[in-house]
C-alpha atoms as a PDB file:
ATOM      1  CA  MET A   1      38.662 -44.720   5.454  1.00  0.00           C
ATOM      2  CA  LEU A   2      40.216 -42.493   8.069  1.00  0.00           C
ATOM      3  CA  ASP A   3      42.765 -43.929  10.433  1.00  0.00           C
ATOM      4  CA  ARG A   4      43.292 -42.817  14.024  1.00  0.00           C
ATOM      5  CA  ARG A   5      46.289 -40.593  13.160  1.00  0.00           C
ATOM      6  CA  THR A   6      44.256 -38.668  10.537  1.00  0.00           C
ATOM      7  CA  LEU A   7      41.450 -38.102  13.052  1.00  0.00           C
ATOM      8  CA  VAL A   8      43.848 -36.899  15.772  1.00  0.00           C
ATOM      9  CA  CYS A   9      45.510 -34.447  13.376  1.00  0.00           C
ATOM     10  CA  ALA A  10      42.191 -33.222  11.996  1.00  0.00           C
ATOM     11  CA  SER A  11      40.467 -32.655  15.355  1.00  0.00           C
ATOM     12  CA  PRO A  12      42.021 -29.210  16.064  1.00  0.00           C
ATOM     13  CA  ILE A  13      40.976 -28.078  12.601  1.00  0.00           C
ATOM     14  CA  ILE A  14      37.430 -29.357  13.140  1.00  0.00           C
ATOM     15  CA  ALA A  15      37.274 -27.677  16.574  1.00  0.00           C
ATOM     16  CA  LEU A  16      38.574 -24.397  15.144  1.00  0.00           C
ATOM     17  CA  ALA A  17      36.032 -24.510  12.307  1.00  0.00           C
ATOM     18  CA  ALA A  18      33.212 -25.170  14.772  1.00  0.00           C
ATOM     19  CA  ALA A  19      34.362 -22.341  17.050  1.00  0.00           C
ATOM     20  CA  SER A  20      34.617 -19.864  14.178  1.00  0.00           C
ATOM     21  CA  GLY A  21      31.088 -20.829  13.117  1.00  0.00           C
ATOM     22  CA  ALA A  22      29.827 -20.143  16.655  1.00  0.00           C
ATOM     23  CA  MET A  23      31.683 -16.808  16.713  1.00  0.00           C
ATOM     24  CA  ALA A  24      30.139 -15.837  13.378  1.00  0.00           C
ATOM     25  CA  THR A  25      26.681 -16.713  14.708  1.00  0.00           C
ATOM     26  CA  THR A  26      27.265 -14.599  17.854  1.00  0.00           C
ATOM     27  CA  GLN A  27      28.548 -11.706  15.740  1.00  0.00           C
ATOM     28  CA  ASP A  28      25.577 -12.013  13.392  1.00  0.00           C
ATOM     29  CA  LYS A  29      23.222 -11.894  16.397  1.00  0.00           C
ATOM     30  CA  SER A  30      25.011  -8.831  17.817  1.00  0.00           C
ATOM     31  CA  ASP A  31      24.811  -7.085  14.430  1.00  0.00           C
ATOM     32  CA  SER A  32      21.119  -7.976  14.117  1.00  0.00           C
ATOM     33  CA  ASN A  33      20.435  -6.637  17.628  1.00  0.00           C
ATOM     34  CA  LYS A  34      22.277  -3.378  16.863  1.00  0.00           C
ATOM     35  CA  THR A  35      20.192  -2.909  13.717  1.00  0.00           C
ATOM     36  CA  PHE A  36      17.044  -3.612  15.751  1.00  0.00           C
ATOM     37  CA  VAL A  37      17.910  -0.991  18.403  1.00  0.00           C
ATOM     38  CA  ARG A  38      18.801   1.563  15.736  1.00  0.00           C
ATOM     39  CA  ARG A  39      15.361   0.920  14.163  1.00  0.00           C
ATOM     40  CA  PHE A  40      13.721   1.384  17.593  1.00  0.00           C
ATOM     41  CA  PHE A  41      15.156   4.890  17.865  1.00  0.00           C
ATOM     42  CA  THR A  42      14.483   5.736  14.224  1.00  0.00           C
ATOM     43  CA  GLU A  43      10.985   4.275  13.823  1.00  0.00           C
ATOM     44  CA  VAL A  44       9.538   4.766  17.313  1.00  0.00           C
ATOM     45  CA  TRP A  45      11.425   7.449  19.252  1.00  0.00           C
ATOM     46  CA  SER A  46      12.067   9.813  16.334  1.00  0.00           C
ATOM     47  CA  THR A  47       8.537   9.545  14.926  1.00  0.00           C
ATOM     48  CA  GLY A  48       6.456   9.126  18.077  1.00  0.00           C
ATOM     49  CA  ASN A  49       4.857   6.013  16.544  1.00  0.00           C
ATOM     50  CA  LEU A  50       3.516   4.233  19.620  1.00  0.00           C
ATOM     51  CA  ASP A  51       1.714   1.706  17.382  1.00  0.00           C
ATOM     52  CA  LEU A  52       5.062  -0.056  16.902  1.00  0.00           C
ATOM     53  CA  ARG A  53       5.578  -0.567  20.650  1.00  0.00           C
ATOM     54  CA  ASP A  54       4.629  -4.262  20.656  1.00  0.00           C
ATOM     55  CA  GLU A  55       6.935  -5.002  17.718  1.00  0.00           C
ATOM     56  CA  PHE A  56       9.892  -3.756  19.759  1.00  0.00           C
ATOM     57  CA  LEU A  57       9.019  -4.358  23.433  1.00  0.00           C
ATOM     58  CA  ALA A  58       8.353  -7.848  24.813  1.00  0.00           C
ATOM     59  CA  PRO A  59       5.174  -8.394  26.862  1.00  0.00           C
ATOM     60  CA  ASP A  60       7.299  -8.825  30.009  1.00  0.00           C
ATOM     61  CA  TYR A  61       9.414  -5.710  29.309  1.00  0.00           C
ATOM     62  CA  ARG A  62      11.075  -3.961  32.261  1.00  0.00           C
ATOM     63  CA  GLY A  63      12.458  -0.454  31.885  1.00  0.00           C
ATOM     64  CA  HIS A  64      14.829   1.340  34.232  1.00  0.00           C
ATOM     65  CA  ILE A  65      14.769   5.117  33.918  1.00  0.00           C
ATOM     66  CA  SER A  66      17.230   7.286  35.825  1.00  0.00           C
ATOM     67  CA  GLY A  67      15.525   8.996  38.732  1.00  0.00           C
ATOM     68  CA  SER A  68      12.773   6.364  39.008  1.00  0.00           C
ATOM     69  CA  ALA A  69      12.881   4.023  41.976  1.00  0.00           C
ATOM     70  CA  ALA A  70      10.879   1.214  40.364  1.00  0.00           C
ATOM     71  CA  ALA A  71      11.100  -0.409  36.949  1.00  0.00           C
ATOM     72  CA  ILE A  72       8.250   0.214  34.521  1.00  0.00           C
ATOM     73  CA  ASP A  73       6.432  -2.411  32.477  1.00  0.00           C
ATOM     74  CA  ARG A  74       5.359  -2.112  28.841  1.00  0.00           C
ATOM     75  CA  GLU A  75       2.193  -0.151  29.738  1.00  0.00           C
ATOM     76  CA  GLY A  76       4.199   2.131  32.023  1.00  0.00           C
ATOM     77  CA  TRP A  77       6.644   2.698  29.184  1.00  0.00           C
ATOM     78  CA  ALA A  78       3.780   3.673  26.857  1.00  0.00           C
ATOM     79  CA  GLY A  79       2.516   6.255  29.381  1.00  0.00           C
ATOM     80  CA  TRP A  80       6.003   7.634  29.923  1.00  0.00           C
ATOM     81  CA  PHE A  81       6.574   7.775  26.144  1.00  0.00           C
ATOM     82  CA  ARG A  82       3.269   9.626  25.573  1.00  0.00           C
ATOM     83  CA  GLY A  83       4.264  12.211  28.211  1.00  0.00           C
ATOM     84  CA  PHE A  84       7.683  12.673  26.632  1.00  0.00           C
ATOM     85  CA  ARG A  85       6.254  13.049  23.108  1.00  0.00           C
ATOM     86  CA  SER A  86       3.627  15.476  24.397  1.00  0.00           C
ATOM     87  CA  ALA A  87       6.392  17.661  25.839  1.00  0.00           C
ATOM     88  CA  PHE A  88       8.654  17.292  22.775  1.00  0.00           C
ATOM     89  CA  PRO A  89       6.393  16.471  19.807  1.00  0.00           C
ATOM     90  CA  ASP A  90       9.162  17.161  17.281  1.00  0.00           C
ATOM     91  CA  ALA A  91      11.832  15.113  19.102  1.00  0.00           C
ATOM     92  CA  SER A  92      14.312  13.307  16.892  1.00  0.00           C
ATOM     93  CA  PHE A  93      17.070  10.964  17.938  1.00  0.00           C
ATOM     94  CA  THR A  94      20.471  10.364  16.426  1.00  0.00           C
ATOM     95  CA  VAL A  95      22.341   7.182  17.303  1.00  0.00           C
ATOM     96  CA  ASP A  96      25.880   8.514  17.649  1.00  0.00           C
ATOM     97  CA  ASP A  97      27.522   5.220  18.627  1.00  0.00           C
ATOM     98  CA  ILE A  98      26.227   1.691  19.042  1.00  0.00           C
ATOM     99  CA  ILE A  99      27.931  -1.360  20.515  1.00  0.00           C
ATOM    100  CA  GLY A 100      26.499  -4.861  20.724  1.00  0.00           C
ATOM    101  CA  GLU A 101      27.595  -7.908  22.663  1.00  0.00           C
ATOM    102  CA  GLY A 102      25.269 -10.906  22.663  1.00  0.00           C
ATOM    103  CA  GLU A 103      21.856  -9.887  24.058  1.00  0.00           C
ATOM    104  CA  LEU A 104      23.015  -6.386  25.071  1.00  0.00           C
ATOM    105  CA  VAL A 105      23.161  -3.287  22.880  1.00  0.00           C
ATOM    106  CA  ALA A 106      24.468   0.054  24.160  1.00  0.00           C
ATOM    107  CA  ALA A 107      23.684   3.233  22.256  1.00  0.00           C
ATOM    108  CA  ARG A 108      24.978   6.774  22.764  1.00  0.00           C
ATOM    109  CA  LEU A 109      22.238   9.120  21.617  1.00  0.00           C
ATOM    110  CA  THR A 110      21.484  12.753  20.915  1.00  0.00           C
ATOM    111  CA  MET A 111      17.908  14.048  21.174  1.00  0.00           C
ATOM    112  CA  ARG A 112      16.877  17.305  19.566  1.00  0.00           C
ATOM    113  CA  GLY A 113      13.469  18.791  20.197  1.00  0.00           C
ATOM    114  CA  THR A 114      11.360  21.782  21.114  1.00  0.00           C
ATOM    115  CA  HIS A 115       9.648  21.991  24.504  1.00  0.00           C
ATOM    116  CA  LEU A 116       6.036  22.555  23.404  1.00  0.00           C
ATOM    117  CA  GLY A 117       4.125  20.672  26.120  1.00  0.00           C
ATOM    118  CA  THR A 118       4.199  20.238  29.892  1.00  0.00           C
ATOM    119  CA  LEU A 119       7.125  18.156  31.141  1.00  0.00           C
ATOM    120  CA  ASN A 120       6.911  16.902  34.733  1.00  0.00           C
ATOM    121  CA  GLY A 121       4.983  20.016  35.739  1.00  0.00           C
ATOM    122  CA  ILE A 122       7.191  22.402  33.749  1.00  0.00           C
ATOM    123  CA  PRO A 123       5.021  24.459  31.390  1.00  0.00           C
ATOM    124  CA  PRO A 124       6.113  24.730  27.741  1.00  0.00           C
ATOM    125  CA  THR A 125       9.054  27.079  27.223  1.00  0.00           C
ATOM    126  CA  GLU A 126       9.125  26.784  23.414  1.00  0.00           C
ATOM    127  CA  ARG A 127      12.905  26.418  23.689  1.00  0.00           C
ATOM    128  CA  SER A 128      14.882  23.982  21.583  1.00  0.00           C
ATOM    129  CA  VAL A 129      17.149  21.536  23.355  1.00  0.00           C
ATOM    130  CA  VAL A 130      19.927  19.139  22.461  1.00  0.00           C
ATOM    131  CA  VAL A 131      20.258  16.384  25.048  1.00  0.00           C
ATOM    132  CA  SER A 132      22.758  13.529  25.169  1.00  0.00           C
ATOM    133  CA  GLY A 133      21.873  10.159  26.593  1.00  0.00           C
ATOM    134  CA  MET A 134      22.728   6.493  26.787  1.00  0.00           C
ATOM    135  CA  SER A 135      20.511   3.473  26.455  1.00  0.00           C
ATOM    136  CA  ILE A 136      21.289  -0.183  27.065  1.00  0.00           C
ATOM    137  CA  GLU A 137      18.757  -2.678  25.727  1.00  0.00           C
ATOM    138  CA  ARG A 138      18.628  -6.433  26.367  1.00  0.00           C
ATOM    139  CA  ILE A 139      17.115  -8.289  23.447  1.00  0.00           C
ATOM    140  CA  VAL A 140      15.730 -11.819  23.652  1.00  0.00           C
ATOM    141  CA  GLU A 141      13.968 -13.583  20.780  1.00  0.00           C
ATOM    142  CA  GLY A 142      13.803 -10.423  18.687  1.00  0.00           C
ATOM    143  CA  ARG A 143      12.315  -8.022  21.252  1.00  0.00           C
ATOM    144  CA  ILE A 144      13.560  -5.752  24.015  1.00  0.00           C
ATOM    145  CA  VAL A 145      12.951  -7.400  27.393  1.00  0.00           C
ATOM    146  CA  GLU A 146      14.818  -4.890  29.528  1.00  0.00           C
ATOM    147  CA  GLY A 147      16.219  -1.407  29.076  1.00  0.00           C
ATOM    148  CA  TRP A 148      18.288   1.089  31.061  1.00  0.00           C
ATOM    149  CA  ASN A 149      18.185   4.766  30.112  1.00  0.00           C
ATOM    150  CA  GLU A 150      20.237   7.742  31.268  1.00  0.00           C
ATOM    151  CA  ASN A 151      20.155  11.261  29.884  1.00  0.00           C
ATOM    152  CA  ASP A 152      21.535  14.672  30.699  1.00  0.00           C
ATOM    153  CA  ALA A 153      18.421  15.898  32.535  1.00  0.00           C
ATOM    154  CA  LEU A 154      20.328  18.676  34.305  1.00  0.00           C
ATOM    155  CA  GLY A 155      21.657  19.995  30.987  1.00  0.00           C
ATOM    156  CA  MET A 156      18.158  19.857  29.520  1.00  0.00           C
ATOM    157  CA  LEU A 157      16.704  21.803  32.477  1.00  0.00           C
ATOM    158  CA  ALA A 158      19.415  24.442  32.030  1.00  0.00           C
ATOM    159  CA  GLN A 159      18.576  24.725  28.311  1.00  0.00           C
ATOM    160  CA  LEU A 160      14.899  25.138  29.225  1.00  0.00           C
ATOM    161  CA  GLY A 161      15.835  27.946  31.615  1.00  0.00           C
ATOM    162  CA  VAL A 162      14.424  26.053  34.605  1.00  0.00           C
ATOM    163  CA  PHE A 163      17.759  25.485  36.270  1.00  0.00           C
ATOM    164  CA  PRO A 164      20.669  27.903  36.036  1.00  0.00           C
ATOM    165  CA  PRO A 165      23.541  26.730  33.854  1.00  0.00           C
ATOM    166  CA  PRO A 166      26.845  25.976  35.581  1.00  0.00           C
ATOM    167  CA  ALA A 167      29.102  28.970  36.165  1.00  0.00           C
ATOM    168  CA  ALA A 168      31.931  29.289  33.707  1.00  0.00           C
END
């Protein structure tokens, strides 16, 4: 049997063990979410496989794209994605850095592709581009419920020859 003194001395150890278990669970979740986001860019963005959309995006998904006033839903995302892949059918994405904290995963990305289709009214230039970007995804119950995306659109337009590059 345990006496009161044993329980008092053991309580910090029990609390520390419980806290480290909770930290491990949070870290495991962050690692799992980072792997999930990396798969999203590898299996969907780099291949153009729209059939996987529902595996990655929750039904109530909300996406925030730089330059757009309103958030898009999952159907809006699919339309936007089709337009992007039509303009850059060979696009591939590299996840350069990825950081996860709880539900949020931030990825620094590089997209490489050839402009072979119309992009926002810009006819195909057949030029290759390398574009950097950032994406933050919020993951709940194994799917992305919200995302924020920024990319170097000005740099891409300069590479396409649509906008003059900055003076040196």
